[in-house]
Amino acid sequence: MESLLDISFDSIRYFLTIAKHGSISKAASMLNISQSALSQSMKNLEQHLGVSLFNRNTRGVVLTEEGKILYEEAREGERFFRKAIVDAKQTANFRLLSNFKISCSRGVLENFLNPHMRAILRIFPELNFEFVKHYLEQDVVKALQKEEVDLCFVKSDKNFAIKEIECKPIMTLHYKICYNPLYYSFPETVKLEDIKKHTIIVKTRTERSDSTWMEYSFPRTIICKEDLALLSMIKQGVGIGLFPVEFLENDELRSVEVEGFKKVDRVVYACYNSANKVAKEIVKIVKR
């Protein structure tokens, strides 16, 4: 006796088409096969299942109770099947037609993404990667919709969300006052008054800096547009800077607690179109 697993997808597809149109003749025309072949296919399916799927009348056919159950379940299965085909084709297109484009700041790239690249390359051995310009929060949706980029890493406030795209939190960055001990010496905790005589270095965040109040608390402020430019100045003793402690390199630089300092936390988000399966898999890897 044949197994139910031997039922072909074509016979289910034929059944769904007949049920949708309520007519074997209309279904045969839509499927581009003969009515006799379609009728025989349905007889074989009914014999295989051991149930009647249709009641025939002068107007066409109507589903039996068993037919209604099969129709609901098979229709749901067909949706999954079609989705699987689309997903497979999309992944193949990424591998064959274009580079996979990633946008992130140099700080996120060097300190966070690079350590995962070997694992990503193993998962996608045929995929080429291209790192493109860093898109800011307000430009991410447009860049993804125009397919200028496939995956964006952005730093933003907690609970950052854009309904048009997926925004997955990857990690939280904690910003503290950092310094090079070759040029400065601080106890573990200081008062703001004790460090105000030094130059403070902060990074711009679109139209405002990460900590605008500091610009008014310190007599001299340097504002940078790049994390690495800020880090370089701290290393060279130009000043003390506001920088995420998660990105400090080894023990070359140190951080200091400042009494009354308003904490600055930022979250790194991975942003991508929900249909982009490659981006979704990469995000799973970097979140491990």
Protein backbone atom coordinates (compact mmCIF):
# COMPACT_ATOMS: atom_id res chain seq x y z
CA MET A 1 0.00 0.00 0.00
CA GLU A 2 1.28 3.44 -0.94
CA SER A 3 2.13 5.88 1.81
CA LEU A 4 0.35 9.22 2.17
CA LEU A 5 3.79 10.76 1.68
CA ASP A 6 3.67 9.49 -1.92
CA ILE A 7 0.90 11.96 -2.80
CA SER A 8 2.37 14.41 -5.30
CA PHE A 9 2.30 18.16 -4.84
CA ASP A 10 0.71 18.45 -8.30
CA SER A 11 -2.37 16.52 -7.16
CA ILE A 12 -2.75 18.85 -4.17
CA ARG A 13 -2.26 21.86 -6.44
CA TYR A 14 -4.96 20.48 -8.80
CA PHE A 15 -7.29 19.95 -5.85
CA LEU A 16 -6.81 23.53 -4.62
CA THR A 17 -7.47 24.95 -8.08
CA ILE A 18 -10.71 22.98 -8.46
CA ALA A 19 -11.85 24.00 -4.97
CA LYS A 20 -11.07 27.66 -5.69
CA HIS A 21 -13.02 27.76 -8.96
CA GLY A 22 -15.75 25.23 -8.07
CA SER A 23 -15.43 23.69 -11.51
CA ILE A 24 -13.26 20.98 -13.07
CA SER A 25 -13.52 22.56 -16.52
CA LYS A 26 -12.38 25.99 -15.25
CA ALA A 27 -9.59 24.43 -13.24
CA ALA A 28 -8.43 22.39 -16.24
CA SER A 29 -8.27 25.57 -18.31
CA MET A 30 -6.28 27.38 -15.60
CA LEU A 31 -3.89 24.44 -15.21
CA ASN A 32 -3.61 23.87 -18.97
CA ILE A 33 -4.45 20.15 -18.77
CA SER A 34 -7.39 18.11 -20.07
CA GLN A 35 -10.57 17.69 -18.02
CA SER A 36 -10.28 13.92 -18.21
CA ALA A 37 -6.72 13.99 -16.85
CA LEU A 38 -7.76 16.33 -14.04
CA SER A 39 -10.80 14.21 -13.14
CA GLN A 40 -8.65 11.06 -13.06
CA SER A 41 -6.10 12.83 -10.83
CA MET A 42 -8.86 13.70 -8.34
CA LYS A 43 -10.24 10.14 -8.39
CA ASN A 44 -6.76 8.83 -7.64
CA LEU A 45 -6.36 11.35 -4.79
CA GLU A 46 -9.72 10.36 -3.27
CA GLN A 47 -8.85 6.66 -3.52
CA HIS A 48 -5.46 7.33 -1.95
CA LEU A 49 -7.03 9.23 0.96
CA GLY A 50 -10.05 6.93 1.27
CA VAL A 51 -12.50 9.87 1.33
CA SER A 52 -14.69 11.82 -1.06
CA LEU A 53 -13.47 15.37 -1.57
CA PHE A 54 -16.18 16.75 -3.87
CA ASN A 55 -19.90 16.49 -4.42
CA ARG A 56 -20.72 16.89 -8.09
CA ASN A 57 -23.79 18.80 -9.29
CA THR A 58 -25.01 20.53 -12.45
CA ARG A 59 -23.21 23.76 -11.53
CA GLY A 60 -19.85 22.13 -10.86
CA VAL A 61 -18.43 20.73 -7.65
CA VAL A 62 -18.61 21.61 -3.97
CA LEU A 63 -16.34 20.44 -1.17
CA THR A 64 -17.42 17.70 1.21
CA GLU A 65 -16.65 18.09 4.92
CA GLU A 66 -13.46 16.09 4.38
CA GLY A 67 -12.66 18.23 1.36
CA LYS A 68 -13.05 21.42 3.41
CA ILE A 69 -10.55 20.15 5.98
CA LEU A 70 -8.02 19.22 3.31
CA TYR A 71 -8.55 22.56 1.56
CA GLU A 72 -7.76 24.66 4.66
CA GLU A 73 -4.69 22.64 5.57
CA ALA A 74 -3.41 22.33 2.00
CA ARG A 75 -3.88 26.03 1.33
CA GLU A 76 -1.74 26.85 4.37
CA GLY A 77 0.88 24.33 3.23
CA GLU A 78 0.96 25.87 -0.24
CA ARG A 79 1.70 29.30 1.29
CA PHE A 80 4.69 27.85 3.16
CA PHE A 81 5.87 26.07 0.03
CA ARG A 82 5.73 29.22 -2.09
CA LYS A 83 7.49 31.20 0.64
CA ALA A 84 10.25 28.59 0.76
CA ILE A 85 10.76 28.91 -3.00
CA VAL A 86 10.96 32.72 -2.77
CA ASP A 87 13.44 32.53 0.12
CA ALA A 88 15.64 30.03 -1.71
CA LYS A 89 15.66 32.12 -4.88
CA GLN A 90 16.46 35.27 -2.92
CA THR A 91 19.43 33.62 -1.20
CA ALA A 92 20.68 32.30 -4.54
CA ASN A 93 20.36 35.75 -6.07
CA PHE A 94 22.47 37.25 -3.26
CA ARG A 95 25.20 34.72 -3.98
CA LEU A 96 25.15 34.94 -7.77
CA LEU A 97 24.17 38.47 -8.68
CA SER A 98 25.62 40.94 -6.21
CA ASN A 99 27.76 41.70 -3.20
CA PHE A 100 26.15 41.68 0.20
CA LYS A 101 26.50 45.28 1.39
CA ILE A 102 27.04 46.14 5.04
CA SER A 103 27.02 49.62 6.55
CA CYS A 104 28.51 50.39 9.96
CA SER A 105 30.82 52.81 11.70
CA ARG A 106 34.52 51.98 11.79
CA GLY A 107 34.29 51.52 15.54
CA VAL A 108 31.52 48.91 15.24
CA LEU A 109 33.34 47.22 12.36
CA GLU A 110 36.72 46.90 14.07
CA ASN A 111 35.55 46.18 17.60
CA PHE A 112 32.40 44.17 17.06
CA LEU A 113 31.74 42.90 13.52
CA ASN A 114 35.24 41.85 12.44
CA PRO A 115 35.57 39.16 15.13
CA HIS A 116 32.53 37.40 13.59
CA MET A 117 33.54 37.67 9.92
CA ARG A 118 35.32 34.28 9.82
CA ALA A 119 32.14 32.56 11.03
CA ILE A 120 30.02 34.52 8.53
CA LEU A 121 32.31 33.53 5.64
CA ARG A 122 32.03 29.86 6.61
CA ILE A 123 28.23 30.04 6.55
CA PHE A 124 28.15 31.88 3.20
CA PRO A 125 31.21 30.62 1.27
CA GLU A 126 29.93 31.84 -2.11
CA LEU A 127 28.84 35.29 -0.98
CA ASN A 128 30.90 38.43 -1.64
CA PHE A 129 30.84 41.21 0.94
CA GLU A 130 31.17 44.95 0.49
CA PHE A 131 31.41 47.49 3.30
CA VAL A 132 29.78 50.74 2.21
CA LYS A 133 29.45 54.17 3.80
CA HIS A 134 28.01 54.49 7.28
CA TYR A 135 24.33 55.48 7.15
CA LEU A 136 22.91 57.50 10.03
CA GLU A 137 19.66 56.63 11.80
CA GLN A 138 17.50 58.95 9.70
CA ASP A 139 18.87 57.57 6.42
CA VAL A 140 18.63 53.84 7.11
CA VAL A 141 15.11 53.17 5.78
CA LYS A 142 15.71 54.97 2.50
CA ALA A 143 19.04 53.20 1.98
CA LEU A 144 17.47 49.78 2.58
CA GLN A 145 14.45 50.49 0.38
CA LYS A 146 16.69 51.65 -2.47
CA GLU A 147 18.84 48.53 -1.96
CA GLU A 148 21.93 50.66 -1.49
CA VAL A 149 22.74 48.42 1.47
CA ASP A 150 21.55 45.04 2.79
CA LEU A 151 22.43 45.35 6.48
CA CYS A 152 23.00 48.48 8.57
CA PHE A 153 24.46 48.70 12.06
CA VAL A 154 23.49 51.92 13.79
CA LYS A 155 23.91 53.27 17.32
CA SER A 156 20.81 54.79 18.85
CA ASP A 157 18.81 55.21 22.04
CA LYS A 158 17.07 52.31 23.73
CA ASN A 159 13.71 51.26 22.25
CA PHE A 160 14.77 52.46 18.80
CA ALA A 161 12.31 51.05 16.24
CA ILE A 162 11.19 51.73 12.68
CA LYS A 163 8.03 49.95 11.55
CA GLU A 164 9.13 49.61 7.91
CA ILE A 165 12.20 47.49 8.73
CA GLU A 166 13.59 45.02 11.26
CA CYS A 167 15.64 46.65 14.07
CA LYS A 168 17.36 44.05 16.24
CA PRO A 169 19.33 45.20 19.33
CA ILE A 170 22.82 43.66 19.28
CA MET A 171 24.64 45.14 22.25
CA THR A 172 24.56 48.09 24.66
CA LEU A 173 27.49 50.52 24.81
CA HIS A 174 28.30 52.34 28.04
CA TYR A 175 30.07 55.66 27.54
CA LYS A 176 32.49 56.86 30.21
CA ILE A 177 35.25 59.43 30.53
CA CYS A 178 38.35 57.68 29.15
CA TYR A 179 42.00 58.74 29.23
CA ASN A 180 45.55 57.64 28.50
CA PRO A 181 47.44 57.01 31.78
CA LEU A 182 50.68 58.12 30.07
CA TYR A 183 49.33 61.69 30.08
CA TYR A 184 46.76 61.81 32.89
CA SER A 185 46.36 60.36 36.35
CA PHE A 186 42.97 60.06 38.04
CA PRO A 187 41.63 58.12 41.01
CA GLU A 188 38.82 55.64 40.31
CA THR A 189 36.18 58.29 41.07
CA VAL A 190 36.47 62.05 40.57
CA LYS A 191 34.23 65.09 40.82
CA LEU A 192 33.36 67.00 37.71
CA GLU A 193 35.19 70.05 39.08
CA ASP A 194 38.42 68.04 39.27
CA ILE A 195 38.55 67.33 35.52
CA LYS A 196 37.01 70.51 34.07
CA LYS A 197 40.42 72.03 33.44
CA HIS A 198 41.12 69.35 30.82
CA THR A 199 39.98 69.31 27.20
CA ILE A 200 36.98 67.03 26.66
CA ILE A 201 36.57 65.15 23.37
CA VAL A 202 33.10 63.96 22.28
CA LYS A 203 31.58 62.52 19.13
CA THR A 204 28.82 64.20 17.17
CA ARG A 205 25.53 62.42 16.87
CA THR A 206 23.77 63.87 13.82
CA GLU A 207 23.04 67.46 14.82
CA ARG A 208 24.06 67.10 18.46
CA SER A 209 26.91 65.57 20.42
CA ASP A 210 26.67 62.48 22.64
CA SER A 211 26.66 64.69 25.71
CA THR A 212 25.76 68.27 24.87
CA TRP A 213 25.86 69.36 28.51
CA MET A 214 29.59 68.63 28.61
CA GLU A 215 30.24 71.22 25.94
CA TYR A 216 29.06 73.83 28.42
CA SER A 217 30.76 72.30 31.47
CA PHE A 218 34.28 72.23 30.03
CA PRO A 219 36.21 75.34 28.96
CA ARG A 220 37.54 73.53 25.86
CA THR A 221 35.73 70.91 23.79
CA ILE A 222 36.76 68.96 20.69
CA ILE A 223 33.93 67.40 18.67
CA CYS A 224 34.74 64.50 16.31
CA LYS A 225 32.63 62.83 13.65
CA GLU A 226 34.29 59.40 13.87
CA ASP A 227 34.84 57.04 16.80
CA LEU A 228 38.37 56.24 15.68
CA ALA A 229 39.33 59.90 15.37
CA LEU A 230 38.14 60.43 18.93
CA LEU A 231 40.00 57.33 20.11
CA SER A 232 43.20 58.46 18.39
CA MET A 233 43.09 61.84 20.17
CA ILE A 234 42.59 60.15 23.55
CA LYS A 235 45.56 57.86 22.87
CA GLN A 236 47.76 60.82 21.97
CA GLY A 237 46.85 62.69 25.15
CA VAL A 238 45.08 65.54 23.36
CA GLY A 239 42.38 65.37 26.01
CA ILE A 240 40.05 63.07 27.90
CA GLY A 241 37.12 61.68 25.96
CA LEU A 242 33.67 60.23 26.14
CA PHE A 243 33.98 56.75 24.67
CA PRO A 244 32.27 53.32 25.04
CA VAL A 245 34.24 51.20 27.49
CA GLU A 246 33.33 48.09 25.47
CA PHE A 247 35.57 49.40 22.68
CA LEU A 248 38.64 50.18 24.79
CA GLU A 249 41.67 48.40 23.39
CA ASN A 250 43.37 46.14 25.93
CA ASP A 251 44.48 48.15 28.98
CA GLU A 252 46.12 51.00 27.08
CA LEU A 253 43.33 53.37 28.01
CA ARG A 254 41.38 53.61 31.23
CA SER A 255 38.03 55.00 32.30
CA VAL A 256 37.11 57.05 35.33
CA GLU A 257 33.83 57.40 37.22
CA VAL A 258 32.63 61.01 37.49
CA GLU A 259 30.29 61.94 40.33
CA GLY A 260 27.10 63.46 39.01
CA PHE A 261 27.93 62.33 35.49
CA LYS A 262 24.80 61.73 33.46
CA LYS A 263 25.21 58.23 32.02
CA VAL A 264 25.27 57.94 28.26
CA ASP A 265 24.21 54.53 26.99
CA ARG A 266 23.72 53.68 23.34
CA VAL A 267 22.47 50.48 21.72
CA VAL A 268 23.89 48.99 18.53
CA TYR A 269 21.01 47.88 16.28
CA ALA A 270 21.08 45.69 13.19
CA CYS A 271 18.64 47.06 10.61
CA TYR A 272 17.48 45.16 7.52
CA ASN A 273 14.43 44.39 5.39
CA SER A 274 12.43 41.52 6.91
CA ALA A 275 12.54 39.57 3.63
CA ASN A 276 16.36 39.57 3.61
CA LYS A 277 17.15 36.07 4.89
CA VAL A 278 20.91 36.46 4.56
CA ALA A 279 20.85 39.54 6.81
CA LYS A 280 18.73 37.65 9.34
CA GLU A 281 21.25 34.79 9.48
CA ILE A 282 24.19 37.18 9.87
CA VAL A 283 22.43 38.92 12.77
CA LYS A 284 21.98 35.52 14.47
CA ILE A 285 25.72 34.92 14.16
CA VAL A 286 26.80 38.25 15.62
CA LYS A 287 24.33 37.97 18.51
CA ARG A 288 25.80 34.67 19.73
